[in-house]
Protein backbone atom coordinates (compact mmCIF):
# COMPACT_ATOMS: atom_id res chain seq x y z
CA MET A 1 32.18 18.02 8.21
CA LEU A 2 31.52 18.42 4.75
CA ILE A 3 30.40 15.37 2.51
CA ILE A 4 31.32 16.31 -0.90
CA ASN A 5 30.69 14.71 -4.56
CA CYS A 6 27.32 13.21 -3.57
CA HIS A 7 24.95 11.18 -5.35
CA LEU A 8 22.53 12.26 -2.69
CA ILE A 9 19.26 9.95 -2.62
CA SER A 10 16.64 10.89 0.09
CA PRO A 11 12.71 10.59 0.12
CA ASP A 12 11.54 11.90 -3.34
CA ILE A 13 15.02 13.21 -4.17
CA ASP A 14 17.64 12.17 -6.40
CA MET A 15 20.59 14.79 -6.98
CA HIS A 16 24.10 14.23 -8.37
CA SER A 17 27.15 16.51 -7.64
CA CYS A 18 25.89 17.98 -4.41
CA ALA A 19 27.43 18.22 -0.87
CA ILE A 20 25.77 17.86 2.64
CA CYS A 21 27.42 20.07 5.52
CA ILE A 22 27.06 18.69 8.80
CA GLU A 23 27.31 20.81 12.24
CA GLY A 24 27.25 18.69 15.34
CA SER A 25 25.04 15.94 15.42
CA LYS A 26 22.71 17.64 12.38
CA ILE A 27 22.71 18.51 8.56
CA LYS A 28 23.39 22.21 8.38
CA SER A 29 22.18 22.45 4.89
CA ILE A 30 22.25 20.94 1.43
CA TYR A 31 24.63 22.40 -1.64
CA SER A 32 23.31 21.32 -5.20
CA ALA A 33 25.54 21.34 -7.89
CA GLY A 34 27.74 24.37 -8.73
CA SER A 35 27.13 25.79 -5.38
CA THR A 36 30.07 27.63 -3.36
CA LEU A 37 31.05 25.40 -0.65
CA PRO A 38 32.16 26.57 2.89
CA ASN A 39 35.76 25.75 3.98
CA ASP A 40 35.04 22.90 6.26
CA GLU A 41 38.21 21.15 8.30
CA HIS A 42 36.55 17.86 7.75
CA ILE A 43 36.19 16.41 4.10
CA ILE A 44 34.73 13.38 2.90
CA ASP A 45 34.78 12.93 -0.79
CA ALA A 46 32.11 10.56 -1.43
CA LYS A 47 33.71 10.46 -5.02
CA GLY A 48 30.24 10.43 -6.72
CA GLN A 49 28.81 7.09 -4.90
CA MET A 50 25.04 6.98 -3.23
CA VAL A 51 24.48 8.89 -0.24
CA MET A 52 21.57 7.72 1.85
CA PRO A 53 19.91 8.41 5.19
CA GLY A 54 21.04 6.03 7.70
CA PHE A 55 19.16 2.82 7.68
CA ILE A 56 16.81 1.88 10.20
CA ASP A 57 16.45 -1.82 11.21
CA VAL A 58 13.05 -2.32 13.35
CA HIS A 59 13.56 -5.97 13.62
CA CYS A 60 17.09 -7.80 14.03
CA HIS A 61 17.90 -10.22 16.83
CA GLY A 62 21.52 -10.29 16.36
CA LYS A 63 24.58 -10.89 14.20
CA VAL A 64 28.25 -12.19 14.08
CA GLY A 65 27.53 -14.91 16.88
CA PHE A 66 26.11 -12.63 18.93
CA ASP A 67 21.64 -12.71 19.96
CA PHE A 68 20.42 -9.94 21.72
CA THR A 69 19.00 -12.27 24.46
CA ASP A 70 22.19 -13.45 25.26
CA GLY A 71 21.97 -10.55 27.77
CA THR A 72 25.48 -10.03 27.89
CA GLN A 73 27.31 -6.47 27.50
CA GLU A 74 29.54 -8.21 24.90
CA ALA A 75 26.47 -9.38 22.84
CA MET A 76 24.86 -6.05 22.66
CA ASP A 77 28.14 -3.95 21.93
CA THR A 78 29.28 -6.32 19.45
CA PHE A 79 25.83 -6.57 17.74
CA GLY A 80 25.58 -2.91 17.84
CA LYS A 81 28.97 -1.89 16.40
CA SER A 82 28.40 -4.49 13.93
CA LYS A 83 25.12 -3.08 12.42
CA LEU A 84 27.09 0.04 11.13
CA THR A 85 28.49 -2.41 8.26
CA GLU A 86 25.34 -2.58 6.62
CA GLY A 87 24.36 1.04 6.90
CA VAL A 88 22.12 0.83 9.90
CA THR A 89 22.47 3.84 12.11
CA THR A 90 19.29 3.32 14.49
CA LEU A 91 18.32 -0.27 15.52
CA LEU A 92 15.46 -1.80 17.48
CA PRO A 93 17.34 -4.93 19.01
CA THR A 94 14.54 -7.72 18.99
CA THR A 95 13.81 -10.41 21.59
CA LEU A 96 12.53 -13.68 21.72
CA THR A 97 9.71 -15.74 23.37
CA LEU A 98 11.86 -16.29 26.42
CA PRO A 99 11.36 -16.07 30.43
CA GLU A 100 10.96 -12.64 32.07
CA GLU A 101 13.99 -12.54 33.70
CA THR A 102 16.12 -13.57 30.30
CA LEU A 103 14.49 -10.26 28.79
CA ALA A 104 15.00 -8.33 31.56
CA LYS A 105 18.96 -8.88 31.61
CA ALA A 106 18.79 -8.24 27.68
CA MET A 107 17.11 -5.01 28.60
CA HIS A 108 19.84 -4.15 31.20
CA THR A 109 22.13 -4.54 28.58
CA ALA A 110 20.62 -1.99 26.19
CA ALA A 111 20.67 0.85 29.04
CA MET A 112 24.57 -0.14 29.59
CA TYR A 113 24.91 0.19 25.76
CA VAL A 114 23.68 3.67 25.65
CA LYS A 115 24.80 4.72 29.09
CA ASN A 116 28.67 3.74 27.81
CA ASN A 117 28.12 5.92 24.78
CA THR A 118 28.72 2.89 22.76
CA LYS A 119 30.10 4.00 19.15
CA GLY A 120 27.51 1.49 16.96
CA SER A 121 24.43 1.92 15.86
CA LYS A 122 21.71 4.23 18.17
CA LEU A 123 19.26 2.61 20.12
CA ALA A 124 15.58 4.04 19.37
CA GLY A 125 14.27 1.35 21.81
CA VAL A 126 13.74 -2.53 22.10
CA HIS A 127 11.13 -4.68 20.02
CA LEU A 128 9.58 -7.33 22.06
CA GLU A 129 9.12 -10.03 19.62
CA GLY A 130 6.76 -12.50 21.84
CA PRO A 131 6.19 -13.85 24.32
CA PHE A 132 2.40 -13.27 23.64
CA ILE A 133 2.13 -15.07 20.48
CA ASN A 134 -0.12 -17.96 19.15
CA CYS A 135 1.41 -21.35 20.04
CA LYS A 136 0.18 -22.79 16.95
CA LEU A 137 2.40 -20.37 14.94
CA CYS A 138 5.37 -20.47 16.93
CA GLY A 139 7.58 -20.79 14.01
CA ALA A 140 11.49 -20.32 15.36
CA GLN A 141 9.96 -19.06 18.97
CA ASN A 142 10.31 -21.43 21.88
CA PRO A 143 6.65 -22.57 22.46
CA ASP A 144 7.88 -23.38 26.04
CA PHE A 145 7.52 -19.81 27.21
CA VAL A 146 4.86 -18.57 25.41
CA ARG A 147 2.11 -16.62 27.60
CA ALA A 148 -0.82 -14.63 27.51
CA PRO A 149 -0.60 -10.90 27.01
CA ASN A 150 0.51 -9.05 29.85
CA ILE A 151 0.58 -5.42 29.75
CA ASP A 152 2.18 -5.43 33.33
CA GLU A 153 5.13 -7.38 32.20
CA VAL A 154 5.77 -4.89 29.54
CA LYS A 155 5.69 -1.95 31.70
CA ARG A 156 8.31 -3.84 34.02
CA LEU A 157 10.49 -4.22 30.67
CA HIS A 158 9.65 -0.81 29.50
CA SER A 159 11.07 0.75 33.13
CA ILE A 160 14.64 -0.95 32.11
CA PHE A 161 14.76 0.46 28.78
CA PRO A 162 12.38 1.63 26.56
CA VAL A 163 10.01 -0.63 24.57
CA SER A 164 9.19 0.62 21.22
CA LYS A 165 7.29 -2.06 19.44
CA VAL A 166 5.63 -5.17 20.91
CA SER A 167 4.49 -8.40 18.10
CA PHE A 168 1.78 -10.32 19.30
CA ALA A 169 -1.17 -12.32 18.50
CA PRO A 170 -4.28 -10.44 18.82
CA GLU A 171 -6.76 -13.00 18.75
CA VAL A 172 -5.21 -14.56 21.91
CA ASP A 173 -7.12 -13.98 25.41
CA GLY A 174 -6.57 -10.32 25.93
CA GLY A 175 -4.98 -9.45 22.79
CA ILE A 176 -7.47 -6.78 21.68
CA GLU A 177 -7.25 -4.93 25.25
CA PHE A 178 -3.63 -4.99 24.74
CA SER A 179 -3.31 -3.39 21.58
CA ARG A 180 -5.20 -0.59 23.14
CA GLN A 181 -2.67 -0.61 26.33
CA LEU A 182 0.06 -0.15 24.33
CA ARG A 183 -0.94 2.76 22.41
CA GLU A 184 -1.60 4.19 25.71
CA LEU A 185 1.82 3.92 26.75
CA GLY A 186 3.36 5.03 23.52
CA ILE A 187 4.49 1.82 22.11
CA THR A 188 3.66 0.37 18.81
CA PRO A 189 1.45 -2.66 18.65
CA SER A 190 2.32 -5.08 15.55
CA CYS A 191 0.65 -8.53 14.71
CA VAL A 192 2.96 -11.58 14.16
CA HIS A 193 2.88 -15.20 15.29
CA SER A 194 -0.72 -15.23 14.41
CA ALA A 195 -3.98 -17.25 13.41
CA ALA A 196 -6.21 -14.07 13.51
CA THR A 197 -8.83 -14.07 11.10
CA PHE A 198 -9.57 -10.41 9.33
CA ALA A 199 -12.48 -9.55 11.50
CA GLU A 200 -10.19 -10.59 14.30
CA PHE A 201 -7.47 -7.99 13.18
CA SER A 202 -10.21 -5.39 12.42
CA GLU A 203 -11.20 -5.59 15.85
CA ALA A 204 -7.63 -4.97 16.95
CA TYR A 205 -7.22 -2.31 14.05
CA THR A 206 -9.61 0.04 15.78
CA ASN A 207 -7.94 -0.35 18.96
CA GLY A 208 -4.96 0.64 17.61
CA LEU A 209 -3.01 -2.14 15.65
CA ARG A 210 -1.34 -0.74 12.37
CA ASP A 211 1.48 -2.82 12.07
CA LEU A 212 2.26 -6.52 10.59
CA SER A 213 5.52 -7.88 11.41
CA HIS A 214 7.40 -10.04 8.78
CA PHE A 215 4.80 -9.91 6.63
CA CYS A 216 3.30 -13.37 5.27
CA ASN A 217 5.49 -15.28 7.58
CA GLN A 218 3.76 -16.98 10.38
CA MET A 219 0.67 -15.38 9.85
CA THR A 220 -3.08 -16.46 8.36
CA ALA A 221 -2.34 -16.56 4.73
CA LEU A 222 -4.97 -14.91 1.88
CA HIS A 223 -8.14 -17.18 1.46
CA HIS A 224 -11.09 -16.35 -0.76
CA ARG A 225 -13.42 -17.35 2.29
CA ASP A 226 -10.92 -15.49 4.70
CA ILE A 227 -8.43 -12.91 3.52
CA GLY A 228 -6.48 -13.32 6.86
CA LEU A 229 -3.83 -11.27 7.87
CA VAL A 230 -2.17 -10.83 4.50
CA GLY A 231 -5.27 -9.88 3.02
CA ALA A 232 -5.75 -7.14 6.07
CA GLY A 233 -2.21 -5.78 5.14
CA PHE A 234 -3.51 -5.02 1.61
CA MET A 235 -6.64 -4.24 2.53
CA HIS A 236 -5.95 -1.65 5.04
CA LYS A 237 -3.90 1.04 3.41
CA ASP A 238 -2.35 2.88 6.64
CA VAL A 239 -1.18 -0.73 7.79
CA TYR A 240 2.87 -0.79 7.68
CA LEU A 241 4.24 -4.12 6.29
CA GLU A 242 7.40 -5.54 7.53
CA ALA A 243 9.35 -6.95 4.73
CA ILE A 244 12.03 -9.53 4.85
CA CYS A 245 13.41 -9.36 1.48
CA ASP A 246 16.17 -12.15 1.21
CA CYS A 247 14.03 -13.85 -1.57
CA LEU A 248 13.26 -16.85 0.93
CA HIS A 249 11.16 -15.20 3.25
CA LEU A 250 9.26 -13.54 0.31
CA SER A 251 9.55 -15.15 -2.89
CA PRO A 252 10.31 -12.63 -5.93
CA ASP A 253 7.04 -12.65 -7.42
CA MET A 254 5.51 -11.79 -3.75
CA VAL A 255 7.82 -8.75 -3.39
CA LYS A 256 6.48 -7.42 -6.70
CA LEU A 257 2.97 -8.25 -5.41
CA ILE A 258 3.59 -6.32 -2.32
CA PHE A 259 5.06 -3.32 -4.07
CA LYS A 260 2.38 -3.25 -6.77
CA LEU A 261 -0.49 -3.23 -4.29
CA LYS A 262 0.76 -1.06 -1.14
CA SER A 263 1.64 2.27 -1.09
CA ILE A 264 5.25 2.27 -0.89
CA ASP A 265 4.93 4.73 2.34
CA ARG A 266 4.29 1.54 4.39
CA ILE A 267 6.49 -0.86 3.51
CA GLN A 268 9.52 -1.02 5.99
CA LEU A 269 12.68 -3.39 5.05
CA ILE A 270 13.94 -5.45 7.80
CA THR A 271 16.57 -7.99 8.15
CA ASP A 272 14.81 -10.42 11.12
CA ALA A 273 18.59 -11.44 11.63
CA MET A 274 19.87 -13.75 14.02
CA CYS A 275 23.16 -14.61 15.25
CA ALA A 276 24.59 -15.95 12.28
CA ALA A 277 24.40 -13.05 10.11
CA GLY A 278 27.94 -11.82 8.72
CA LEU A 279 29.45 -15.45 9.36
CA LYS A 280 29.62 -18.43 7.46
CA ASP A 281 27.07 -21.57 7.25
CA GLY A 282 27.10 -24.09 10.18
CA ASP A 283 25.34 -24.95 13.28
CA TYR A 284 24.05 -22.07 15.47
CA GLN A 285 21.00 -21.63 18.01
CA ILE A 286 18.12 -19.39 18.72
CA GLY A 287 16.23 -18.80 22.06
CA GLY A 288 17.82 -22.28 22.67
CA LEU A 289 16.66 -24.18 19.67
CA PRO A 290 19.11 -25.52 17.48
CA VAL A 291 19.75 -24.14 14.27
CA ILE A 292 21.60 -25.08 10.83
CA VAL A 293 22.52 -22.35 8.06
CA LYS A 294 23.02 -23.70 4.89
CA GLY A 295 23.45 -21.10 1.79
CA GLY A 296 22.51 -18.57 4.00
CA ALA A 297 19.09 -20.00 4.91
CA ALA A 298 18.76 -20.65 8.98
CA ARG A 299 16.40 -23.41 9.86
CA LEU A 300 15.73 -25.03 12.66
CA LYS A 301 16.91 -28.41 12.87
CA SER A 302 13.76 -29.80 14.54
CA ASN A 303 11.46 -28.97 11.85
CA ASP A 304 13.28 -26.98 9.11
CA ALA A 305 11.01 -23.85 10.20
CA LEU A 306 12.83 -20.83 9.07
CA ALA A 307 14.51 -19.53 12.13
CA GLY A 308 15.12 -15.68 11.20
CA SER A 309 17.40 -14.58 8.67
CA THR A 310 21.13 -14.16 7.78
CA LEU A 311 20.08 -10.98 5.54
CA GLU A 312 22.14 -7.37 6.00
CA LEU A 313 19.85 -4.34 5.08
CA ASN A 314 22.02 -2.92 2.36
CA GLN A 315 21.32 -6.37 0.43
CA ALA A 316 17.62 -5.92 1.27
CA LEU A 317 17.59 -2.67 -0.80
CA LYS A 318 19.90 -4.33 -3.69
CA ASN A 319 17.43 -7.31 -4.11
CA VAL A 320 14.51 -5.04 -3.84
CA GLN A 321 15.68 -2.41 -6.43
CA GLU A 322 16.58 -5.35 -8.82
CA ILE A 323 13.21 -6.99 -8.32
CA THR A 324 10.85 -3.94 -8.77
CA ASN A 325 13.02 -1.76 -10.95
CA LEU A 326 11.60 1.43 -9.15
CA PRO A 327 13.60 4.23 -8.53
CA LEU A 328 15.70 4.78 -5.27
CA LYS A 329 14.27 7.87 -4.34
CA GLU A 330 11.05 5.77 -3.87
CA LEU A 331 12.63 2.75 -2.30
CA VAL A 332 14.88 4.54 0.22
CA LYS A 333 11.68 5.30 2.07
CA THR A 334 11.46 1.51 2.82
CA THR A 335 14.96 1.61 4.66
CA SER A 336 14.58 4.71 7.17
CA TRP A 337 11.91 7.10 6.64
CA ASN A 338 8.87 4.78 6.90
CA GLN A 339 10.34 3.10 10.10
CA ALA A 340 10.71 6.60 11.60
CA CYS A 341 7.23 7.46 10.68
CA SER A 342 5.71 4.33 12.22
CA LEU A 343 7.70 4.66 15.51
CA GLY A 344 7.42 8.55 15.46
CA LEU A 345 11.25 9.23 15.47
CA ASP A 346 11.60 12.89 14.99
CA LYS A 347 14.22 14.24 12.45
CA LEU A 348 15.35 10.55 11.15
CA GLY A 349 14.82 9.10 7.81
CA LYS A 350 15.84 12.14 5.54
CA LEU A 351 18.83 13.97 4.19
CA GLU A 352 17.61 17.70 4.95
CA ALA A 353 18.73 20.88 7.01
CA GLY A 354 17.70 20.09 10.55
CA PHE A 355 17.73 16.45 10.32
CA TYR A 356 20.15 14.35 12.22
CA ALA A 357 23.26 13.63 10.10
CA ASP A 358 22.83 9.61 10.08
CA ILE A 359 24.21 9.00 7.08
CA VAL A 360 25.31 6.10 4.82
CA ILE A 361 27.62 6.00 1.56
CA LEU A 362 27.25 3.01 -0.70
CA ASP A 363 28.88 1.97 -3.89
CA TYR A 364 26.72 1.00 -6.83
CA ASN A 365 27.07 -2.44 -5.80
CA PHE A 366 25.07 -1.23 -2.57
CA GLU A 367 28.37 -2.08 -0.54
CA ILE A 368 28.99 0.06 2.37
CA VAL A 369 31.14 2.82 2.16
CA SER A 370 31.02 4.78 5.55
CA THR A 371 28.57 4.83 8.06
CA ILE A 372 27.82 8.30 10.12
CA VAL A 373 25.97 8.57 13.06
CA ASP A 374 25.23 12.02 14.69
CA GLY A 375 27.65 13.38 12.52
CA GLU A 376 30.57 11.28 13.63
CA LEU A 377 32.24 8.59 11.29
CA ARG A 378 31.85 5.59 12.74
CA TYR A 379 32.66 3.19 10.24
CA SER A 380 34.40 2.75 6.97
CA GLN A 381 35.81 0.32 4.76
CA ASN A 382 39.15 0.54 6.52
CA GLY A 383 36.74 -0.33 9.90
CA PHE A 384 35.49 1.08 12.71
CA THR A 385 36.63 4.55 13.88
């Protein structure tokens, strides 16, 4: 495959009128403007539009009416394919605070999705959000199923399908040790739904905690007597921050502040999308809790708490570009490269020779034109292929 007439945007690279040669599942070479191109049989004309590394969404619960924890093959297959429409080529389907048997059922659907070679986004593992959280900061997580950190439960789930990331509250009993145990298993520990003080986070930090899930949401705020988890995210330069940039979970001013104070190499755009993403306003549910979506904002009916988002990753990138006015060759790090670095995903997140041919073509309104996974065109504006 040869992609011609590209406006190629990759970390620290912005080139016009270039071409990408793909051989098998990987990029064989990049041709700058004016180069002599090979005579490939399959040519895609990008028509001067933006060509970026395929997006990696490390925190997403569902889309188009389905949630990962529905535990059905239809839910996983539809969810995984639908993410292609927003340029996501690699996904961590994300769980909720639910019984272990419900989580195990979802893990089995992920395993079958991969075994069946479903032509959607690739799965780099599963993100367990909960159930090991602080009851006082449940947000839209179901408090009935909150429990103490249990590495044996993680191992059981991990044996069904790889767990790549676990978001939990480090201040609860056993939380510090839990962080170390996750690192020993090669699983990324992350902090969320937590009332941890800065001192408690710092102890977990010494035990391998380097990530904060949906930064600023359901965590201790910055305060002049204890800078909390928000302060920890700014203080520790090597901590990765997940950011839901829908202008609701984070105000535009907070987005500006994050990108001003934090190295762009440590910011990860996520959607935290729930099943209403891609659908109209109306009544939905998340983890068995009733949700009303109005004006694109998903909130619990019981207490008006935000219940995930309806955000798509291409829209998140557009929002951040408009808010910060930073160059896309910098912002593109936040959609894939940083996620790949955080999770140790090899040869993902850049458009370079030897990297996987996970590629998204976007117009200048950030609408998805084509999504290519492992060198295979899987989605275009004409539909799935």
